[in-house]
PDB file of all heavy atoms in Angstrom:
ATOM      1  N   PHE A   1     127.309  84.222 147.335  1.00  0.00           N
ATOM      2  CA  PHE A   1     127.826  85.423 146.682  1.00  0.00           C
ATOM      3  C   PHE A   1     128.725  85.042 145.513  1.00  0.00           C
ATOM      4  O   PHE A   1     129.461  84.057 145.575  1.00  0.00           O
ATOM      5  CB  PHE A   1     128.652  86.270 147.658  1.00  0.00           C
ATOM      6  CG  PHE A   1     127.925  86.652 148.916  1.00  0.00           C
ATOM      7  CD1 PHE A   1     128.533  86.514 150.151  1.00  0.00           C
ATOM      8  CD2 PHE A   1     126.640  87.156 148.869  1.00  0.00           C
ATOM      9  CE1 PHE A   1     127.884  86.870 151.315  1.00  0.00           C
ATOM     10  CE2 PHE A   1     125.978  87.513 150.024  1.00  0.00           C
ATOM     11  CZ  PHE A   1     126.592  87.371 151.254  1.00  0.00           C
ATOM     12  N   ILE A   2     128.693  85.839 144.469  1.00  0.00           N
ATOM     13  CA  ILE A   2     129.685  85.714 143.415  1.00  0.00           C
ATOM     14  C   ILE A   2     131.013  86.204 143.973  1.00  0.00           C
ATOM     15  O   ILE A   2     131.071  87.188 144.711  1.00  0.00           O
ATOM     16  CB  ILE A   2     129.262  86.525 142.177  1.00  0.00           C
ATOM     17  CG1 ILE A   2     128.010  85.886 141.553  1.00  0.00           C
ATOM     18  CG2 ILE A   2     130.392  86.589 141.148  1.00  0.00           C
ATOM     19  CD1 ILE A   2     127.417  86.666 140.412  1.00  0.00           C
ATOM     20  N   LYS A   3     132.082  85.489 143.646  1.00  0.00           N
ATOM     21  CA  LYS A   3     133.395  85.779 144.226  1.00  0.00           C
ATOM     22  C   LYS A   3     133.764  87.249 144.062  1.00  0.00           C
ATOM     23  O   LYS A   3     133.636  87.829 142.995  1.00  0.00           O
ATOM     24  CB  LYS A   3     134.458  84.900 143.573  1.00  0.00           C
ATOM     25  CG  LYS A   3     135.774  84.877 144.318  1.00  0.00           C
ATOM     26  CD  LYS A   3     136.700  83.816 143.759  1.00  0.00           C
ATOM     27  CE  LYS A   3     138.004  83.737 144.559  1.00  0.00           C
ATOM     28  NZ  LYS A   3     138.898  82.670 144.049  1.00  0.00           N
ATOM     29  N   GLY A   4     134.219  87.870 145.151  1.00  0.00           N
ATOM     30  CA  GLY A   4     134.617  89.267 145.142  1.00  0.00           C
ATOM     31  C   GLY A   4     133.500  90.240 145.457  1.00  0.00           C
ATOM     32  O   GLY A   4     133.707  91.453 145.451  1.00  0.00           O
ATOM     33  N   THR A   5     132.310  89.715 145.776  1.00  0.00           N
ATOM     34  CA  THR A   5     131.156  90.576 146.053  1.00  0.00           C
ATOM     35  C   THR A   5     131.376  91.451 147.286  1.00  0.00           C
ATOM     36  O   THR A   5     131.808  90.968 148.329  1.00  0.00           O
ATOM     37  CB  THR A   5     129.890  89.718 146.266  1.00  0.00           C
ATOM     38  OG1 THR A   5     129.543  89.097 145.035  1.00  0.00           O
ATOM     39  CG2 THR A   5     128.721  90.566 146.744  1.00  0.00           C
ATOM     40  N   LYS A   6     131.053  92.740 147.135  1.00  0.00           N
ATOM     41  CA  LYS A   6     131.080  93.669 148.260  1.00  0.00           C
ATOM     42  C   LYS A   6     129.729  94.354 148.440  1.00  0.00           C
ATOM     43  O   LYS A   6     129.383  94.784 149.540  1.00  0.00           O
ATOM     44  CB  LYS A   6     132.178  94.712 148.056  1.00  0.00           C
ATOM     45  CG  LYS A   6     133.597  94.119 148.097  1.00  0.00           C
ATOM     46  CD  LYS A   6     134.653  95.195 147.958  1.00  0.00           C
ATOM     47  CE  LYS A   6     136.062  94.584 148.013  1.00  0.00           C
ATOM     48  NZ  LYS A   6     137.115  95.623 147.842  1.00  0.00           N
ATOM     49  N   ASN A   7     128.974  94.465 147.351  1.00  0.00           N
ATOM     50  CA  ASN A   7     127.668  95.117 147.407  1.00  0.00           C
ATOM     51  C   ASN A   7     126.584  94.060 147.572  1.00  0.00           C
ATOM     52  O   ASN A   7     126.132  93.450 146.605  1.00  0.00           O
ATOM     53  CB  ASN A   7     127.432  95.931 146.130  1.00  0.00           C
ATOM     54  CG  ASN A   7     126.089  96.649 146.152  1.00  0.00           C
ATOM     55  OD1 ASN A   7     125.361  96.619 147.149  1.00  0.00           O
ATOM     56  ND2 ASN A   7     125.746  97.291 145.040  1.00  0.00           N
ATOM     57  N   PHE A   8     126.144  93.850 148.813  1.00  0.00           N
ATOM     58  CA  PHE A   8     125.160  92.804 149.089  1.00  0.00           C
ATOM     59  C   PHE A   8     123.738  93.232 148.736  1.00  0.00           C
ATOM     60  O   PHE A   8     122.810  92.412 148.807  1.00  0.00           O
ATOM     61  CB  PHE A   8     125.225  92.399 150.564  1.00  0.00           C
ATOM     62  CG  PHE A   8     126.562  91.829 150.962  1.00  0.00           C
ATOM     63  CD1 PHE A   8     127.074  92.055 152.236  1.00  0.00           C
ATOM     64  CD2 PHE A   8     127.305  91.075 150.077  1.00  0.00           C
ATOM     65  CE1 PHE A   8     128.303  91.535 152.603  1.00  0.00           C
ATOM     66  CE2 PHE A   8     128.533  90.543 150.436  1.00  0.00           C
ATOM     67  CZ  PHE A   8     129.037  90.776 151.704  1.00  0.00           C
ATOM     68  N   ALA A   9     123.530  94.487 148.360  1.00  0.00           N
ATOM     69  CA  ALA A   9     122.200  94.964 147.984  1.00  0.00           C
ATOM     70  C   ALA A   9     121.882  94.687 146.519  1.00  0.00           C
ATOM     71  O   ALA A   9     120.722  94.728 146.116  1.00  0.00           O
ATOM     72  CB  ALA A   9     122.081  96.463 148.262  1.00  0.00           C
ATOM     73  N   ASP A  10     122.899  94.387 145.726  1.00  0.00           N
ATOM     74  CA  ASP A  10     122.717  94.179 144.285  1.00  0.00           C
ATOM     75  C   ASP A  10     122.455  92.705 144.005  1.00  0.00           C
ATOM     76  O   ASP A  10     123.316  91.853 144.238  1.00  0.00           O
ATOM     77  CB  ASP A  10     123.963  94.644 143.531  1.00  0.00           C
ATOM     78  CG  ASP A  10     123.762  94.655 142.019  1.00  0.00           C
ATOM     79  OD1 ASP A  10     122.779  94.054 141.540  1.00  0.00           O
ATOM     80  OD2 ASP A  10     124.587  95.272 141.317  1.00  0.00           O
ATOM     81  N   ILE A  11     121.272  92.401 143.498  1.00  0.00           N
ATOM     82  CA  ILE A  11     120.879  91.014 143.266  1.00  0.00           C
ATOM     83  C   ILE A  11     121.758  90.328 142.223  1.00  0.00           C
ATOM     84  O   ILE A  11     121.865  89.095 142.188  1.00  0.00           O
ATOM     85  CB  ILE A  11     119.390  90.955 142.850  1.00  0.00           C
ATOM     86  CG1 ILE A  11     118.851  89.521 142.993  1.00  0.00           C
ATOM     87  CG2 ILE A  11     119.192  91.489 141.440  1.00  0.00           C
ATOM     88  CD1 ILE A  11     117.369  89.413 142.776  1.00  0.00           C
ATOM     89  N   LYS A  12     122.442  91.108 141.394  1.00  0.00           N
ATOM     90  CA  LYS A  12     123.325  90.531 140.376  1.00  0.00           C
ATOM     91  C   LYS A  12     124.558  89.867 140.994  1.00  0.00           C
ATOM     92  O   LYS A  12     125.254  89.102 140.312  1.00  0.00           O
ATOM     93  CB  LYS A  12     123.770  91.613 139.394  1.00  0.00           C
ATOM     94  CG  LYS A  12     122.636  92.200 138.568  1.00  0.00           C
ATOM     95  CD  LYS A  12     123.150  93.303 137.659  1.00  0.00           C
ATOM     96  CE  LYS A  12     122.013  93.926 136.861  1.00  0.00           C
ATOM     97  NZ  LYS A  12     122.496  95.043 136.008  1.00  0.00           N
ATOM     98  N   ASN A  13     124.814  90.132 142.261  1.00  0.00           N
ATOM     99  CA  ASN A  13     126.001  89.588 142.919  1.00  0.00           C
ATOM    100  C   ASN A  13     125.749  88.247 143.613  1.00  0.00           C
ATOM    101  O   ASN A  13     126.576  87.806 144.411  1.00  0.00           O
ATOM    102  CB  ASN A  13     126.541  90.601 143.933  1.00  0.00           C
ATOM    103  CG  ASN A  13     127.133  91.818 143.247  1.00  0.00           C
ATOM    104  OD1 ASN A  13     127.644  91.727 142.131  1.00  0.00           O
ATOM    105  ND2 ASN A  13     127.048  92.963 143.898  1.00  0.00           N
ATOM    106  N   TYR A  14     124.624  87.612 143.283  1.00  0.00           N
ATOM    107  CA  TYR A  14     124.269  86.336 143.901  1.00  0.00           C
ATOM    108  C   TYR A  14     124.196  85.236 142.840  1.00  0.00           C
ATOM    109  O   TYR A  14     123.770  85.482 141.710  1.00  0.00           O
ATOM    110  CB  TYR A  14     122.923  86.446 144.625  1.00  0.00           C
ATOM    111  CG  TYR A  14     122.963  87.390 145.797  1.00  0.00           C
ATOM    112  CD1 TYR A  14     122.919  88.771 145.605  1.00  0.00           C
ATOM    113  CD2 TYR A  14     123.061  86.925 147.102  1.00  0.00           C
ATOM    114  CE1 TYR A  14     122.975  89.653 146.679  1.00  0.00           C
ATOM    115  CE2 TYR A  14     123.105  87.792 148.183  1.00  0.00           C
ATOM    116  CZ  TYR A  14     123.063  89.152 147.964  1.00  0.00           C
ATOM    117  OH  TYR A  14     123.118  90.019 149.023  1.00  0.00           O
ATOM    118  N   GLN A  15     124.585  84.039 143.239  1.00  0.00           N
ATOM    119  CA  GLN A  15     124.613  82.917 142.299  1.00  0.00           C
ATOM    120  C   GLN A  15     123.230  82.562 141.762  1.00  0.00           C
ATOM    121  O   GLN A  15     123.064  82.352 140.557  1.00  0.00           O
ATOM    122  CB  GLN A  15     125.217  81.678 142.988  1.00  0.00           C
ATOM    123  CG  GLN A  15     126.631  81.838 143.494  1.00  0.00           C
ATOM    124  CD  GLN A  15     127.673  81.593 142.419  1.00  0.00           C
ATOM    125  OE1 GLN A  15     127.342  81.334 141.270  1.00  0.00           O
ATOM    126  NE2 GLN A  15     128.939  81.675 142.793  1.00  0.00           N
ATOM    127  N   ASN A  16     122.235  82.476 142.640  1.00  0.00           N
ATOM    128  CA  ASN A  16     120.928  81.967 142.211  1.00  0.00           C
ATOM    129  C   ASN A  16     119.722  82.764 142.681  1.00  0.00           C
ATOM    130  O   ASN A  16     118.585  82.376 142.374  1.00  0.00           O
ATOM    131  CB  ASN A  16     120.764  80.511 142.676  1.00  0.00           C
ATOM    132  CG  ASN A  16     121.415  79.527 141.724  1.00  0.00           C
ATOM    133  OD1 ASN A  16     121.269  79.629 140.503  1.00  0.00           O
ATOM    134  ND2 ASN A  16     122.151  78.576 142.281  1.00  0.00           N
ATOM    135  N   THR A  17     119.920  83.857 143.408  1.00  0.00           N
ATOM    136  CA  THR A  17     118.760  84.586 143.919  1.00  0.00           C
ATOM    137  C   THR A  17     117.833  85.030 142.797  1.00  0.00           C
ATOM    138  O   THR A  17     116.607  84.952 142.923  1.00  0.00           O
ATOM    139  CB  THR A  17     119.196  85.805 144.751  1.00  0.00           C
ATOM    140  OG1 THR A  17     119.902  85.361 145.917  1.00  0.00           O
ATOM    141  CG2 THR A  17     117.983  86.602 145.209  1.00  0.00           C
ATOM    142  N   ARG A  18     118.389  85.478 141.681  1.00  0.00           N
ATOM    143  CA  ARG A  18     117.533  85.909 140.568  1.00  0.00           C
ATOM    144  C   ARG A  18     116.655  84.758 140.077  1.00  0.00           C
ATOM    145  O   ARG A  18     115.491  84.969 139.716  1.00  0.00           O
ATOM    146  CB  ARG A  18     118.385  86.452 139.415  1.00  0.00           C
ATOM    147  CG  ARG A  18     118.904  87.866 139.655  1.00  0.00           C
ATOM    148  CD  ARG A  18     119.808  88.330 138.530  1.00  0.00           C
ATOM    149  NE  ARG A  18     121.061  87.553 138.502  1.00  0.00           N
ATOM    150  CZ  ARG A  18     122.015  87.708 137.612  1.00  0.00           C
ATOM    151  NH1 ARG A  18     121.882  88.618 136.650  1.00  0.00           N
ATOM    152  NH2 ARG A  18     123.122  86.993 137.658  1.00  0.00           N
ATOM    153  N   ASN A  19     117.200  83.555 140.078  1.00  0.00           N
ATOM    154  CA  ASN A  19     116.404  82.396 139.665  1.00  0.00           C
ATOM    155  C   ASN A  19     115.270  82.125 140.647  1.00  0.00           C
ATOM    156  O   ASN A  19     114.141  81.809 140.235  1.00  0.00           O
ATOM    157  CB  ASN A  19     117.296  81.160 139.554  1.00  0.00           C
ATOM    158  CG  ASN A  19     118.296  81.263 138.420  1.00  0.00           C
ATOM    159  OD1 ASN A  19     117.975  81.754 137.341  1.00  0.00           O
ATOM    160  ND2 ASN A  19     119.522  80.810 138.648  1.00  0.00           N
ATOM    161  N   PHE A  20     115.560  82.240 141.947  1.00  0.00           N
ATOM    162  CA  PHE A  20     114.506  82.058 142.941  1.00  0.00           C
ATOM    163  C   PHE A  20     113.441  83.145 142.837  1.00  0.00           C
ATOM    164  O   PHE A  20     112.242  82.872 142.972  1.00  0.00           O
ATOM    165  CB  PHE A  20     115.106  82.041 144.351  1.00  0.00           C
ATOM    166  CG  PHE A  20     115.988  80.857 144.644  1.00  0.00           C
ATOM    167  CD1 PHE A  20     117.213  81.014 145.277  1.00  0.00           C
ATOM    168  CD2 PHE A  20     115.602  79.568 144.295  1.00  0.00           C
ATOM    169  CE1 PHE A  20     118.033  79.931 145.555  1.00  0.00           C
ATOM    170  CE2 PHE A  20     116.412  78.471 144.565  1.00  0.00           C
ATOM    171  CZ  PHE A  20     117.632  78.656 145.198  1.00  0.00           C
ATOM    172  N   VAL A  21     113.859  84.383 142.599  1.00  0.00           N
ATOM    173  CA  VAL A  21     112.912  85.495 142.450  1.00  0.00           C
ATOM    174  C   VAL A  21     111.969  85.231 141.276  1.00  0.00           C
ATOM    175  O   VAL A  21     110.743  85.396 141.371  1.00  0.00           O
ATOM    176  CB  VAL A  21     113.655  86.831 142.261  1.00  0.00           C
ATOM    177  CG1 VAL A  21     112.712  87.913 141.717  1.00  0.00           C
ATOM    178  CG2 VAL A  21     114.263  87.289 143.582  1.00  0.00           C
ATOM    179  N   LYS A  22     112.524  84.804 140.145  1.00  0.00           N
ATOM    180  CA  LYS A  22     111.696  84.509 138.971  1.00  0.00           C
ATOM    181  C   LYS A  22     110.716  83.380 139.264  1.00  0.00           C
ATOM    182  O   LYS A  22     109.564  83.409 138.808  1.00  0.00           O
ATOM    183  CB  LYS A  22     112.581  84.147 137.787  1.00  0.00           C
ATOM    184  CG  LYS A  22     113.391  85.314 137.222  1.00  0.00           C
ATOM    185  CD  LYS A  22     114.319  84.845 136.110  1.00  0.00           C
ATOM    186  CE  LYS A  22     115.183  85.982 135.587  1.00  0.00           C
ATOM    187  NZ  LYS A  22     116.146  85.512 134.557  1.00  0.00           N
ATOM    188  N   ALA A  23     111.157  82.385 140.019  1.00  0.00           N
ATOM    189  CA  ALA A  23     110.282  81.260 140.359  1.00  0.00           C
ATOM    190  C   ALA A  23     109.153  81.703 141.286  1.00  0.00           C
ATOM    191  O   ALA A  23     108.002  81.272 141.128  1.00  0.00           O
ATOM    192  CB  ALA A  23     111.097  80.138 140.997  1.00  0.00           C
ATOM    193  N   VAL A  24     109.456  82.560 142.263  1.00  0.00           N
ATOM    194  CA  VAL A  24     108.420  83.094 143.152  1.00  0.00           C
ATOM    195  C   VAL A  24     107.406  83.901 142.349  1.00  0.00           C
ATOM    196  O   VAL A  24     106.189  83.763 142.528  1.00  0.00           O
ATOM    197  CB  VAL A  24     109.035  83.960 144.268  1.00  0.00           C
ATOM    198  CG1 VAL A  24     107.932  84.669 145.060  1.00  0.00           C
ATOM    199  CG2 VAL A  24     109.881  83.115 145.211  1.00  0.00           C
ATOM    200  N   GLU A  25     107.896  84.739 141.450  1.00  0.00           N
ATOM    201  CA  GLU A  25     106.997  85.551 140.617  1.00  0.00           C
ATOM    202  C   GLU A  25     106.093  84.668 139.757  1.00  0.00           C
ATOM    203  O   GLU A  25     104.902  84.960 139.588  1.00  0.00           O
ATOM    204  CB  GLU A  25     107.816  86.500 139.747  1.00  0.00           C
ATOM    205  CG  GLU A  25     108.507  87.601 140.536  1.00  0.00           C
ATOM    206  CD  GLU A  25     109.475  88.425 139.708  1.00  0.00           C
ATOM    207  OE1 GLU A  25     109.855  87.977 138.600  1.00  0.00           O
ATOM    208  OE2 GLU A  25     109.861  89.520 140.162  1.00  0.00           O
ATOM    209  N   ALA A  26     106.648  83.585 139.222  1.00  0.00           N
ATOM    210  CA  ALA A  26     105.837  82.654 138.433  1.00  0.00           C
ATOM    211  C   ALA A  26     104.773  81.986 139.299  1.00  0.00           C
ATOM    212  O   ALA A  26     103.627  81.793 138.872  1.00  0.00           O
ATOM    213  CB  ALA A  26     106.734  81.595 137.787  1.00  0.00           C
ATOM    214  N   ALA A  27     105.147  81.625 140.540  1.00  0.00           N
ATOM    215  CA  ALA A  27     104.185  81.015 141.458  1.00  0.00           C
ATOM    216  C   ALA A  27     103.071  81.992 141.818  1.00  0.00           C
ATOM    217  O   ALA A  27     101.906  81.592 141.954  1.00  0.00           O
ATOM    218  CB  ALA A  27     104.901  80.537 142.718  1.00  0.00           C
ATOM    219  N   ARG A  28     103.414  83.249 141.950  1.00  0.00           N
ATOM    220  CA  ARG A  28     102.400  84.246 142.284  1.00  0.00           C
ATOM    221  C   ARG A  28     101.464  84.540 141.110  1.00  0.00           C
ATOM    222  O   ARG A  28     100.358  85.049 141.309  1.00  0.00           O
ATOM    223  CB  ARG A  28     103.068  85.538 142.787  1.00  0.00           C
ATOM    224  CG  ARG A  28     103.605  85.407 144.209  1.00  0.00           C
ATOM    225  CD  ARG A  28     102.483  85.255 145.203  1.00  0.00           C
ATOM    226  NE  ARG A  28     102.973  84.916 146.561  1.00  0.00           N
ATOM    227  CZ  ARG A  28     102.444  83.989 147.323  1.00  0.00           C
ATOM    228  NH1 ARG A  28     101.421  83.290 146.901  1.00  0.00           N
ATOM    229  NH2 ARG A  28     102.923  83.746 148.527  1.00  0.00           N
ATOM    230  N   ARG A  29     101.864  84.219 139.917  1.00  0.00           N
ATOM    231  CA  ARG A  29     100.927  84.309 138.788  1.00  0.00           C
ATOM    232  C   ARG A  29      99.877  83.202 138.883  1.00  0.00           C
ATOM    233  O   ARG A  29      98.760  83.360 138.393  1.00  0.00           O
ATOM    234  CB  ARG A  29     101.676  84.230 137.455  1.00  0.00           C
ATOM    235  CG  ARG A  29     102.467  85.497 137.140  1.00  0.00           C
ATOM    236  CD  ARG A  29     102.944  85.552 135.705  1.00  0.00           C
ATOM    237  NE  ARG A  29     104.028  84.630 135.429  1.00  0.00           N
ATOM    238  CZ  ARG A  29     105.306  84.925 135.614  1.00  0.00           C
ATOM    239  NH1 ARG A  29     105.662  86.127 136.073  1.00  0.00           N
ATOM    240  NH2 ARG A  29     106.236  84.038 135.330  1.00  0.00           N
ATOM    241  N   TYR A  30     100.248  82.090 139.516  1.00  0.00           N
ATOM    242  CA  TYR A  30      99.289  81.019 139.776  1.00  0.00           C
ATOM    243  C   TYR A  30      98.367  81.392 140.926  1.00  0.00           C
ATOM    244  O   TYR A  30      97.154  81.188 140.850  1.00  0.00           O
ATOM    245  CB  TYR A  30     100.048  79.728 140.089  1.00  0.00           C
ATOM    246  CG  TYR A  30      99.192  78.631 140.678  1.00  0.00           C
ATOM    247  CD1 TYR A  30      98.443  77.795 139.864  1.00  0.00           C
ATOM    248  CD2 TYR A  30      99.138  78.434 142.069  1.00  0.00           C
ATOM    249  CE1 TYR A  30      97.653  76.783 140.406  1.00  0.00           C
ATOM    250  CE2 TYR A  30      98.359  77.429 142.605  1.00  0.00           C
ATOM    251  CZ  TYR A  30      97.619  76.609 141.770  1.00  0.00           C
ATOM    252  OH  TYR A  30      96.830  75.620 142.325  1.00  0.00           O
ATOM    253  N   GLU A  31      98.928  81.906 142.012  1.00  0.00           N
ATOM    254  CA  GLU A  31      98.140  82.279 143.196  1.00  0.00           C
ATOM    255  C   GLU A  31      98.727  83.528 143.828  1.00  0.00           C
ATOM    256  O   GLU A  31      99.825  83.500 144.359  1.00  0.00           O
ATOM    257  CB  GLU A  31      98.095  81.138 144.205  1.00  0.00           C
ATOM    258  CG  GLU A  31      97.366  81.461 145.500  1.00  0.00           C
ATOM    259  CD  GLU A  31      95.973  82.017 145.262  1.00  0.00           C
ATOM    260  OE1 GLU A  31      95.106  81.261 144.790  1.00  0.00           O
ATOM    261  OE2 GLU A  31      95.758  83.234 145.531  1.00  0.00           O
ATOM    262  N   LYS A  32      97.983  84.616 143.774  1.00  0.00           N
ATOM    263  CA  LYS A  32      98.468  85.904 144.270  1.00  0.00           C
ATOM    264  C   LYS A  32      98.501  85.977 145.790  1.00  0.00           C
ATOM    265  O   LYS A  32      99.402  86.590 146.378  1.00  0.00           O
ATOM    266  CB  LYS A  32      97.584  87.024 143.711  1.00  0.00           C
ATOM    267  CG  LYS A  32      97.999  88.423 144.137  1.00  0.00           C
ATOM    268  CD  LYS A  32      97.076  89.464 143.519  1.00  0.00           C
ATOM    269  CE  LYS A  32      97.471  90.874 143.964  1.00  0.00           C
ATOM    270  NZ  LYS A  32      96.561  91.900 143.369  1.00  0.00           N
ATOM    271  N   SER A  33      97.527  85.368 146.442  1.00  0.00           N
ATOM    272  CA  SER A  33      97.360  85.522 147.887  1.00  0.00           C
ATOM    273  C   SER A  33      98.435  84.782 148.679  1.00  0.00           C
ATOM    274  O   SER A  33      98.641  83.574 148.487  1.00  0.00           O
ATOM    275  CB  SER A  33      95.983  85.017 148.309  1.00  0.00           C
ATOM    276  OG  SER A  33      95.885  84.962 149.718  1.00  0.00           O
ATOM    277  N   ARG A  34      99.074  85.488 149.601  1.00  0.00           N
ATOM    278  CA  ARG A  34     100.056  84.850 150.484  1.00  0.00           C
ATOM    279  C   ARG A  34      99.376  83.974 151.532  1.00  0.00           C
ATOM    280  O   ARG A  34     100.046  83.172 152.186  1.00  0.00           O
ATOM    281  CB  ARG A  34     100.909  85.918 151.182  1.00  0.00           C
ATOM    282  CG  ARG A  34     101.778  86.713 150.232  1.00  0.00           C
ATOM    283  CD  ARG A  34     102.775  87.551 150.997  1.00  0.00           C
ATOM    284  NE  ARG A  34     103.287  88.651 150.187  1.00  0.00           N
ATOM    285  CZ  ARG A  34     104.544  89.074 150.175  1.00  0.00           C
ATOM    286  NH1 ARG A  34     105.429  88.480 150.941  1.00  0.00           N
ATOM    287  NH2 ARG A  34     104.923  90.079 149.427  1.00  0.00           N
ATOM    288  N   ASP A  35      98.064  84.130 151.711  1.00  0.00           N
ATOM    289  CA  ASP A  35      97.336  83.253 152.633  1.00  0.00           C
ATOM    290  C   ASP A  35      96.979  81.931 151.966  1.00  0.00           C
ATOM    291  O   ASP A  35      96.994  80.879 152.606  1.00  0.00           O
ATOM    292  CB  ASP A  35      96.060  83.931 153.128  1.00  0.00           C
ATOM    293  CG  ASP A  35      96.350  85.072 154.082  1.00  0.00           C
ATOM    294  OD1 ASP A  35      97.338  84.968 154.841  1.00  0.00           O
ATOM    295  OD2 ASP A  35      95.611  86.070 154.066  1.00  0.00           O
ATOM    296  N   ASP A  36      96.639  81.969 150.674  1.00  0.00           N
ATOM    297  CA  ASP A  36      96.199  80.755 149.984  1.00  0.00           C
ATOM    298  C   ASP A  36      97.377  79.884 149.541  1.00  0.00           C
ATOM    299  O   ASP A  36      97.249  78.654 149.495  1.00  0.00           O
ATOM    300  CB  ASP A  36      95.335  81.116 148.778  1.00  0.00           C
ATOM    301  CG  ASP A  36      94.008  81.725 149.199  1.00  0.00           C
ATOM    302  OD1 ASP A  36      93.526  81.395 150.300  1.00  0.00           O
ATOM    303  OD2 ASP A  36      93.456  82.543 148.444  1.00  0.00           O
ATOM    304  N   LEU A  37      98.499  80.494 149.170  1.00  0.00           N
ATOM    305  CA  LEU A  37      99.706  79.744 148.840  1.00  0.00           C
ATOM    306  C   LEU A  37     100.866  80.358 149.614  1.00  0.00           C
ATOM    307  O   LEU A  37     101.271  81.491 149.361  1.00  0.00           O
ATOM    308  CB  LEU A  37     100.013  79.799 147.341  1.00  0.00           C
ATOM    309  CG  LEU A  37     101.302  79.063 146.918  1.00  0.00           C
ATOM    310  CD1 LEU A  37     101.177  77.567 147.174  1.00  0.00           C
ATOM    311  CD2 LEU A  37     101.623  79.334 145.449  1.00  0.00           C
ATOM    312  N   VAL A  38     101.380  79.594 150.558  1.00  0.00           N
ATOM    313  CA  VAL A  38     102.491  80.052 151.389  1.00  0.00           C
ATOM    314  C   VAL A  38     103.801  79.604 150.730  1.00  0.00           C
ATOM    315  O   VAL A  38     103.959  78.436 150.399  1.00  0.00           O
ATOM    316  CB  VAL A  38     102.393  79.475 152.817  1.00  0.00           C
ATOM    317  CG1 VAL A  38     103.599  79.895 153.657  1.00  0.00           C
ATOM    318  CG2 VAL A  38     101.091  79.923 153.479  1.00  0.00           C
ATOM    319  N   ILE A  39     104.732  80.550 150.550  1.00  0.00           N
ATOM    320  CA  ILE A  39     105.974  80.254 149.830  1.00  0.00           C
ATOM    321  C   ILE A  39     107.192  80.490 150.720  1.00  0.00           C
ATOM    322  O   ILE A  39     107.322  81.553 151.334  1.00  0.00           O
ATOM    323  CB  ILE A  39     106.105  81.120 148.565  1.00  0.00           C
ATOM    324  CG1 ILE A  39     104.942  80.863 147.607  1.00  0.00           C
ATOM    325  CG2 ILE A  39     107.436  80.839 147.858  1.00  0.00           C
ATOM    326  CD1 ILE A  39     104.965  81.746 146.362  1.00  0.00           C
ATOM    327  N   PHE A  40     108.075  79.484 150.760  1.00  0.00           N
ATOM    328  CA  PHE A  40     109.431  79.650 151.291  1.00  0.00           C
ATOM    329  C   PHE A  40     110.375  79.633 150.105  1.00  0.00           C
ATOM    330  O   PHE A  40     110.299  78.745 149.251  1.00  0.00           O
ATOM    331  CB  PHE A  40     109.809  78.512 152.246  1.00  0.00           C
ATOM    332  CG  PHE A  40     111.240  78.607 152.735  1.00  0.00           C
ATOM    333  CD1 PHE A  40     111.525  79.139 153.981  1.00  0.00           C
ATOM    334  CD2 PHE A  40     112.301  78.193 151.936  1.00  0.00           C
ATOM    335  CE1 PHE A  40     112.842  79.252 154.425  1.00  0.00           C
ATOM    336  CE2 PHE A  40     113.620  78.299 152.363  1.00  0.00           C
ATOM    337  CZ  PHE A  40     113.889  78.834 153.608  1.00  0.00           C
ATOM    338  N   ALA A  41     111.300  80.616 150.058  1.00  0.00           N
ATOM    339  CA  ALA A  41     112.243  80.677 148.939  1.00  0.00           C
ATOM    340  C   ALA A  41     113.632  81.079 149.426  1.00  0.00           C
ATOM    341  O   ALA A  41     113.775  81.879 150.349  1.00  0.00           O
ATOM    342  CB  ALA A  41     111.751  81.671 147.883  1.00  0.00           C
ATOM    343  N   GLY A  42     114.656  80.510 148.774  1.00  0.00           N
ATOM    344  CA  GLY A  42     116.029  80.914 149.042  1.00  0.00           C
ATOM    345  C   GLY A  42     116.903  79.786 149.529  1.00  0.00           C
ATOM    346  O   GLY A  42     116.444  78.670 149.794  1.00  0.00           O
ATOM    347  N   ALA A  43     118.193  80.106 149.653  1.00  0.00           N
ATOM    348  CA  ALA A  43     119.193  79.153 150.107  1.00  0.00           C
ATOM    349  C   ALA A  43     120.258  79.942 150.867  1.00  0.00           C
ATOM    350  O   ALA A  43     119.970  81.004 151.424  1.00  0.00           O
ATOM    351  CB  ALA A  43     119.772  78.381 148.924  1.00  0.00           C
TER     352      ALA A  43
END
């Protein structure tokens, strides 16, 4: 969490979640199917 965070639903309040989301989206442009490419994301 970014220091002072109270709203855990807002992705802007996280240090790197937006970066992970963008990376997942880029991976899904390579392979759409969750069966053909299985992805674990986050920290």
